[in-house]
């Protein structure tokens, strides 16, 4: 089973930390993680932008699925 297909609290913590580092998340920028359809998803609450989480040989990669609204 791939890491991105593992629905545990520990894996959610890893996904959240990787997304913060990859996206350069600062305090005050809220995002949520969800496990749906057998994999992790990340959504920026302010804009609605959404990424699917996938495994790579360097940890996780994030594929933009919905661009969101920058208004």
C-alpha atoms as a PDB file:
ATOM      1  CA  UNK A   1       0.000   0.000   0.000  1.00  0.00           C
ATOM      2  CA  UNK A   2       1.256   3.475  -0.845  1.00  0.00           C
ATOM      3  CA  UNK A   3       1.643   6.116   1.858  1.00  0.00           C
ATOM      4  CA  UNK A   4      -0.937   8.334   0.153  1.00  0.00           C
ATOM      5  CA  UNK A   5      -3.421   5.430   0.427  1.00  0.00           C
ATOM      6  CA  UNK A   6      -2.929   5.011   4.198  1.00  0.00           C
ATOM      7  CA  UNK A   7      -5.698   6.518   6.314  1.00  0.00           C
ATOM      8  CA  UNK A   8      -4.117   7.042   9.729  1.00  0.00           C
ATOM      9  CA  UNK A   9      -3.590  10.034  11.985  1.00  0.00           C
ATOM     10  CA  UNK A  10       0.174   9.642  11.671  1.00  0.00           C
ATOM     11  CA  UNK A  11      -0.032   9.734   7.872  1.00  0.00           C
ATOM     12  CA  UNK A  12      -2.263  12.819   7.996  1.00  0.00           C
ATOM     13  CA  UNK A  13       0.389  14.534  10.119  1.00  0.00           C
ATOM     14  CA  UNK A  14       3.039  13.646   7.506  1.00  0.00           C
ATOM     15  CA  UNK A  15       0.843  14.911   4.646  1.00  0.00           C
ATOM     16  CA  UNK A  16       0.137  18.200   6.461  1.00  0.00           C
ATOM     17  CA  UNK A  17       3.834  18.773   7.240  1.00  0.00           C
ATOM     18  CA  UNK A  18       4.855  18.009   3.650  1.00  0.00           C
ATOM     19  CA  UNK A  19       2.202  20.343   2.248  1.00  0.00           C
ATOM     20  CA  UNK A  20       3.253  23.183   4.576  1.00  0.00           C
ATOM     21  CA  UNK A  21       6.861  22.800   3.460  1.00  0.00           C
ATOM     22  CA  UNK A  22       6.009  22.436  -0.246  1.00  0.00           C
ATOM     23  CA  UNK A  23       3.513  25.313  -0.384  1.00  0.00           C
ATOM     24  CA  UNK A  24       5.391  27.583   2.038  1.00  0.00           C
ATOM     25  CA  UNK A  25       2.414  27.761   4.397  1.00  0.00           C
ATOM     26  CA  UNK A  26       2.728  30.415   7.074  1.00  0.00           C
ATOM     27  CA  UNK A  27       0.714  30.694  10.270  1.00  0.00           C
ATOM     28  CA  UNK A  28      -2.760  32.017   9.651  1.00  0.00           C
ATOM     29  CA  UNK A  29      -3.201  30.266   6.295  1.00  0.00           C
ATOM     30  CA  UNK A  30      -5.742  27.569   6.917  1.00  0.00           C
ATOM     31  CA  UNK A  31      -6.006  24.345   4.972  1.00  0.00           C
ATOM     32  CA  UNK A  32      -7.689  21.033   5.530  1.00  0.00           C
ATOM     33  CA  UNK A  33      -6.750  17.482   4.728  1.00  0.00           C
ATOM     34  CA  UNK A  34      -9.289  14.815   3.868  1.00  0.00           C
ATOM     35  CA  UNK A  35      -9.040  11.128   3.090  1.00  0.00           C
ATOM     36  CA  UNK A  36     -11.523  10.360   0.305  1.00  0.00           C
ATOM     37  CA  UNK A  37     -11.656   7.955  -2.625  1.00  0.00           C
ATOM     38  CA  UNK A  38      -8.719   6.009  -1.166  1.00  0.00           C
ATOM     39  CA  UNK A  39      -6.231   8.886  -1.014  1.00  0.00           C
ATOM     40  CA  UNK A  40      -5.386  12.158   0.726  1.00  0.00           C
ATOM     41  CA  UNK A  41      -6.554  15.573  -0.509  1.00  0.00           C
ATOM     42  CA  UNK A  42      -5.529  19.068   0.605  1.00  0.00           C
ATOM     43  CA  UNK A  43      -7.769  22.145   0.294  1.00  0.00           C
ATOM     44  CA  UNK A  44      -6.877  25.787   0.972  1.00  0.00           C
ATOM     45  CA  UNK A  45      -9.880  27.121   2.851  1.00  0.00           C
ATOM     46  CA  UNK A  46      -9.493  30.740   1.689  1.00  0.00           C
ATOM     47  CA  UNK A  47      -9.565  29.988  -2.033  1.00  0.00           C
ATOM     48  CA  UNK A  48     -10.925  26.453  -2.386  1.00  0.00           C
ATOM     49  CA  UNK A  49      -7.845  25.330  -4.330  1.00  0.00           C
ATOM     50  CA  UNK A  50      -7.435  21.569  -4.020  1.00  0.00           C
ATOM     51  CA  UNK A  51      -4.562  19.141  -4.534  1.00  0.00           C
ATOM     52  CA  UNK A  52      -4.446  15.363  -4.668  1.00  0.00           C
ATOM     53  CA  UNK A  53      -1.593  13.789  -2.712  1.00  0.00           C
ATOM     54  CA  UNK A  54       0.634  11.234  -4.422  1.00  0.00           C
ATOM     55  CA  UNK A  55       3.745   9.331  -3.399  1.00  0.00           C
ATOM     56  CA  UNK A  56       7.126   9.969  -4.971  1.00  0.00           C
ATOM     57  CA  UNK A  57      10.632   8.788  -4.288  1.00  0.00           C
ATOM     58  CA  UNK A  58      11.179  12.107  -2.419  1.00  0.00           C
ATOM     59  CA  UNK A  59       8.087  11.870  -0.172  1.00  0.00           C
ATOM     60  CA  UNK A  60       4.854  13.367  -1.471  1.00  0.00           C
ATOM     61  CA  UNK A  61       3.917  15.345  -4.555  1.00  0.00           C
ATOM     62  CA  UNK A  62       0.821  17.512  -4.806  1.00  0.00           C
ATOM     63  CA  UNK A  63      -1.176  17.657  -8.043  1.00  0.00           C
ATOM     64  CA  UNK A  64      -3.430  20.679  -8.447  1.00  0.00           C
ATOM     65  CA  UNK A  65      -6.954  19.473  -9.216  1.00  0.00           C
ATOM     66  CA  UNK A  66      -8.960  22.678  -8.658  1.00  0.00           C
ATOM     67  CA  UNK A  67      -7.337  26.092  -9.044  1.00  0.00           C
ATOM     68  CA  UNK A  68      -9.675  27.846  -6.606  1.00  0.00           C
ATOM     69  CA  UNK A  69     -10.725  31.480  -6.447  1.00  0.00           C
ATOM     70  CA  UNK A  70      -8.029  34.055  -5.668  1.00  0.00           C
ATOM     71  CA  UNK A  71     -10.604  36.834  -5.179  1.00  0.00           C
END
